[in-house]
Amino acid sequence: MQIEIIINDAVIIPPTDTIDSGIGALAEFTGLVRGEENDRPISALVYEAYQPMAETVMRRLLTELAAAHPCHSVRVQHRTGIIHVGEAAIHVAVHAKHRAPAFALLAAFMDRLKQDVPIWKIDTLPA
């Protein structure tokens, strides 16, 4: 499986890749910053990552998950720094032959991401 991981402070713009003719499914998730955190209005979140380790852990998780849910490729973009309300903090795109493994890998990865990957929400900026 091809894996691409990008962790930086650049605004996330999902790519419009040309898709291989053997791909029958593209499952995507975009996580947006909500206008509220812990029942308080906010204007932004601040994320920090230990980038080398975060990339290593993400790659390991995706490789493990692909054993149970075979997919063609996965692209993960995660932002760091100040991310304002309405902006994307993460975008994940999974390409697979069929939808079931694409959905399963995406859901399992998102569940494990917060638990295992060293990326932290370190602050909120009040509204």
C-alpha atoms as a PDB file:
ATOM      1  CA  MET A   1       0.000   0.000   0.000  1.00  0.00           C
ATOM      2  CA  GLN A   2       1.251   3.463  -0.833  1.00  0.00           C
ATOM      3  CA  ILE A   3       1.311   5.807   2.164  1.00  0.00           C
ATOM      4  CA  GLU A   4       1.809   9.574   2.073  1.00  0.00           C
ATOM      5  CA  ILE A   5       1.913  11.558   5.321  1.00  0.00           C
ATOM      6  CA  ILE A   6       2.148  15.333   5.548  1.00  0.00           C
ATOM      7  CA  ILE A   7       2.338  17.122   8.900  1.00  0.00           C
ATOM      8  CA  ASN A   8       2.865  20.881   8.710  1.00  0.00           C
ATOM      9  CA  ASP A   9       1.219  24.265   9.230  1.00  0.00           C
ATOM     10  CA  ALA A  10      -0.008  24.673   5.641  1.00  0.00           C
ATOM     11  CA  VAL A  11      -3.712  25.060   4.933  1.00  0.00           C
ATOM     12  CA  ILE A  12      -5.175  21.713   3.865  1.00  0.00           C
ATOM     13  CA  ILE A  13      -6.436  21.629   0.314  1.00  0.00           C
ATOM     14  CA  PRO A  14      -7.520  18.092  -0.624  1.00  0.00           C
ATOM     15  CA  PRO A  15      -5.772  17.025  -3.825  1.00  0.00           C
ATOM     16  CA  THR A  16      -7.593  16.217  -7.026  1.00  0.00           C
ATOM     17  CA  ASP A  17      -5.426  13.264  -8.019  1.00  0.00           C
ATOM     18  CA  THR A  18      -5.894  11.158 -11.080  1.00  0.00           C
ATOM     19  CA  ILE A  19      -7.197   7.849  -9.811  1.00  0.00           C
ATOM     20  CA  ASP A  20      -5.873   4.504 -11.062  1.00  0.00           C
ATOM     21  CA  SER A  21      -8.407   2.555 -13.164  1.00  0.00           C
ATOM     22  CA  GLY A  22      -8.379  -0.323 -10.630  1.00  0.00           C
ATOM     23  CA  ILE A  23      -9.691   1.941  -7.861  1.00  0.00           C
ATOM     24  CA  GLY A  24     -13.405   1.635  -7.184  1.00  0.00           C
ATOM     25  CA  ALA A  25     -13.574   3.584  -3.911  1.00  0.00           C
ATOM     26  CA  LEU A  26     -12.281   6.841  -2.499  1.00  0.00           C
ATOM     27  CA  ALA A  27     -13.161   7.302   1.175  1.00  0.00           C
ATOM     28  CA  GLU A  28     -12.294  10.709   2.625  1.00  0.00           C
ATOM     29  CA  PHE A  29     -12.531  12.350   6.016  1.00  0.00           C
ATOM     30  CA  THR A  30     -11.923  15.993   6.813  1.00  0.00           C
ATOM     31  CA  GLY A  31     -11.829  17.017  10.465  1.00  0.00           C
ATOM     32  CA  LEU A  32     -12.846  20.657  10.943  1.00  0.00           C
ATOM     33  CA  VAL A  33     -12.329  22.951  13.922  1.00  0.00           C
ATOM     34  CA  ARG A  34     -15.690  23.587  15.583  1.00  0.00           C
ATOM     35  CA  GLY A  35     -16.621  26.932  17.091  1.00  0.00           C
ATOM     36  CA  GLU A  36     -16.865  25.439  20.558  1.00  0.00           C
ATOM     37  CA  GLU A  37     -14.548  23.487  22.849  1.00  0.00           C
ATOM     38  CA  ASN A  38     -15.666  22.206  26.274  1.00  0.00           C
ATOM     39  CA  ASP A  39     -18.950  24.131  25.897  1.00  0.00           C
ATOM     40  CA  ARG A  40     -17.100  27.459  25.369  1.00  0.00           C
ATOM     41  CA  PRO A  41     -16.923  29.448  22.147  1.00  0.00           C
ATOM     42  CA  ILE A  42     -13.487  29.504  20.524  1.00  0.00           C
ATOM     43  CA  SER A  43     -11.925  31.129  17.477  1.00  0.00           C
ATOM     44  CA  ALA A  44      -9.157  28.561  16.907  1.00  0.00           C
ATOM     45  CA  LEU A  45      -7.266  25.546  18.182  1.00  0.00           C
ATOM     46  CA  VAL A  46      -3.504  25.213  18.434  1.00  0.00           C
ATOM     47  CA  TYR A  47      -1.946  21.849  17.505  1.00  0.00           C
ATOM     48  CA  GLU A  48       1.585  20.660  18.128  1.00  0.00           C
ATOM     49  CA  ALA A  49       3.260  17.459  16.929  1.00  0.00           C
ATOM     50  CA  TYR A  50       6.414  15.514  17.492  1.00  0.00           C
ATOM     51  CA  GLN A  51       6.667  15.166  13.731  1.00  0.00           C
ATOM     52  CA  PRO A  52       9.204  12.341  13.186  1.00  0.00           C
ATOM     53  CA  MET A  53       7.500  10.100  15.711  1.00  0.00           C
ATOM     54  CA  ALA A  54       3.988  11.050  14.536  1.00  0.00           C
ATOM     55  CA  GLU A  55       4.874  10.063  10.966  1.00  0.00           C
ATOM     56  CA  THR A  56       6.433   6.787  12.121  1.00  0.00           C
ATOM     57  CA  VAL A  57       3.418   5.874  14.271  1.00  0.00           C
ATOM     58  CA  MET A  58       0.938   6.802  11.514  1.00  0.00           C
ATOM     59  CA  ARG A  59       2.833   4.703   8.972  1.00  0.00           C
ATOM     60  CA  ARG A  60       2.930   1.731  11.368  1.00  0.00           C
ATOM     61  CA  LEU A  61      -0.797   2.034  12.134  1.00  0.00           C
ATOM     62  CA  LEU A  62      -1.724   2.265   8.460  1.00  0.00           C
ATOM     63  CA  THR A  63       0.452  -0.728   7.582  1.00  0.00           C
ATOM     64  CA  GLU A  64      -1.114  -2.795  10.386  1.00  0.00           C
ATOM     65  CA  LEU A  65      -4.647  -1.789   9.394  1.00  0.00           C
ATOM     66  CA  ALA A  66      -3.983  -2.551   5.721  1.00  0.00           C
ATOM     67  CA  ALA A  67      -3.324  -6.190   6.635  1.00  0.00           C
ATOM     68  CA  ALA A  68      -6.990  -6.506   7.647  1.00  0.00           C
ATOM     69  CA  HIS A  69      -8.366  -3.934   5.189  1.00  0.00           C
ATOM     70  CA  PRO A  70      -6.371  -4.078   1.927  1.00  0.00           C
ATOM     71  CA  CYS A  71      -6.288  -0.707   0.187  1.00  0.00           C
ATOM     72  CA  HIS A  72      -4.292   0.776  -2.667  1.00  0.00           C
ATOM     73  CA  SER A  73      -3.142   4.013  -1.004  1.00  0.00           C
ATOM     74  CA  VAL A  74      -3.666   6.393   1.897  1.00  0.00           C
ATOM     75  CA  ARG A  75      -2.836  10.087   2.106  1.00  0.00           C
ATOM     76  CA  VAL A  76      -2.898  11.817   5.504  1.00  0.00           C
ATOM     77  CA  GLN A  77      -2.512  15.574   5.958  1.00  0.00           C
ATOM     78  CA  HIS A  78      -2.497  16.932   9.521  1.00  0.00           C
ATOM     79  CA  ARG A  79      -2.004  20.586  10.355  1.00  0.00           C
ATOM     80  CA  THR A  80      -0.062  22.035  13.229  1.00  0.00           C
ATOM     81  CA  GLY A  81      -0.071  25.564  14.617  1.00  0.00           C
ATOM     82  CA  ILE A  82      -3.133  27.811  14.811  1.00  0.00           C
ATOM     83  CA  ILE A  83      -6.161  26.396  13.011  1.00  0.00           C
ATOM     84  CA  HIS A  84      -9.199  28.682  12.918  1.00  0.00           C
ATOM     85  CA  VAL A  85     -12.838  27.665  13.243  1.00  0.00           C
ATOM     86  CA  GLY A  86     -14.097  26.137  10.013  1.00  0.00           C
ATOM     87  CA  GLU A  87     -10.620  25.184   8.785  1.00  0.00           C
ATOM     88  CA  ALA A  88      -9.458  21.593   8.364  1.00  0.00           C
ATOM     89  CA  ALA A  89      -7.150  20.117  10.993  1.00  0.00           C
ATOM     90  CA  ILE A  90      -6.876  16.761   9.195  1.00  0.00           C
ATOM     91  CA  HIS A  91      -7.706  15.220   5.838  1.00  0.00           C
ATOM     92  CA  VAL A  92      -7.419  11.506   5.103  1.00  0.00           C
ATOM     93  CA  ALA A  93      -8.012   9.965   1.674  1.00  0.00           C
ATOM     94  CA  VAL A  94      -8.133   6.186   1.208  1.00  0.00           C
ATOM     95  CA  HIS A  95      -8.151   4.584  -2.241  1.00  0.00           C
ATOM     96  CA  ALA A  96      -9.245   0.955  -2.557  1.00  0.00           C
ATOM     97  CA  LYS A  97     -10.698  -1.498  -5.012  1.00  0.00           C
ATOM     98  CA  HIS A  98     -13.957  -1.665  -3.019  1.00  0.00           C
ATOM     99  CA  ARG A  99     -15.707   0.614  -0.509  1.00  0.00           C
ATOM    100  CA  ALA A 100     -15.803  -1.792   2.479  1.00  0.00           C
ATOM    101  CA  PRO A 101     -12.034  -1.923   3.096  1.00  0.00           C
ATOM    102  CA  ALA A 102     -11.699   1.814   2.395  1.00  0.00           C
ATOM    103  CA  PHE A 103     -14.355   2.714   4.986  1.00  0.00           C
ATOM    104  CA  ALA A 104     -13.012   0.182   7.502  1.00  0.00           C
ATOM    105  CA  LEU A 105      -9.402   1.359   7.241  1.00  0.00           C
ATOM    106  CA  LEU A 106     -10.424   5.019   7.466  1.00  0.00           C
ATOM    107  CA  ALA A 107     -12.623   4.499  10.529  1.00  0.00           C
ATOM    108  CA  ALA A 108     -10.045   2.357  12.336  1.00  0.00           C
ATOM    109  CA  PHE A 109      -7.245   4.815  11.578  1.00  0.00           C
ATOM    110  CA  MET A 110      -9.212   7.792  12.919  1.00  0.00           C
ATOM    111  CA  ASP A 111     -10.048   5.845  16.097  1.00  0.00           C
ATOM    112  CA  ARG A 112      -6.377   5.035  16.690  1.00  0.00           C
ATOM    113  CA  LEU A 113      -5.000   8.439  15.641  1.00  0.00           C
ATOM    114  CA  LYS A 114      -6.016  10.337  18.778  1.00  0.00           C
ATOM    115  CA  GLN A 115      -5.035   7.441  20.996  1.00  0.00           C
ATOM    116  CA  ASP A 116      -1.588   6.623  19.599  1.00  0.00           C
ATOM    117  CA  VAL A 117      -0.127   9.473  17.545  1.00  0.00           C
ATOM    118  CA  PRO A 118       1.894  12.257  19.244  1.00  0.00           C
ATOM    119  CA  ILE A 119      -0.142  15.203  17.973  1.00  0.00           C
ATOM    120  CA  TRP A 120      -1.666  17.364  20.673  1.00  0.00           C
ATOM    121  CA  LYS A 121      -4.300  20.025  20.890  1.00  0.00           C
ATOM    122  CA  ILE A 122      -2.333  22.346  23.165  1.00  0.00           C
ATOM    123  CA  ASP A 123      -4.498  25.427  23.383  1.00  0.00           C
ATOM    124  CA  THR A 124      -7.738  27.104  22.394  1.00  0.00           C
ATOM    125  CA  LEU A 125      -8.121  30.720  21.413  1.00  0.00           C
ATOM    126  CA  PRO A 126     -11.273  32.362  22.814  1.00  0.00           C
ATOM    127  CA  ALA A 127     -13.898  33.688  20.447  1.00  0.00           C
END
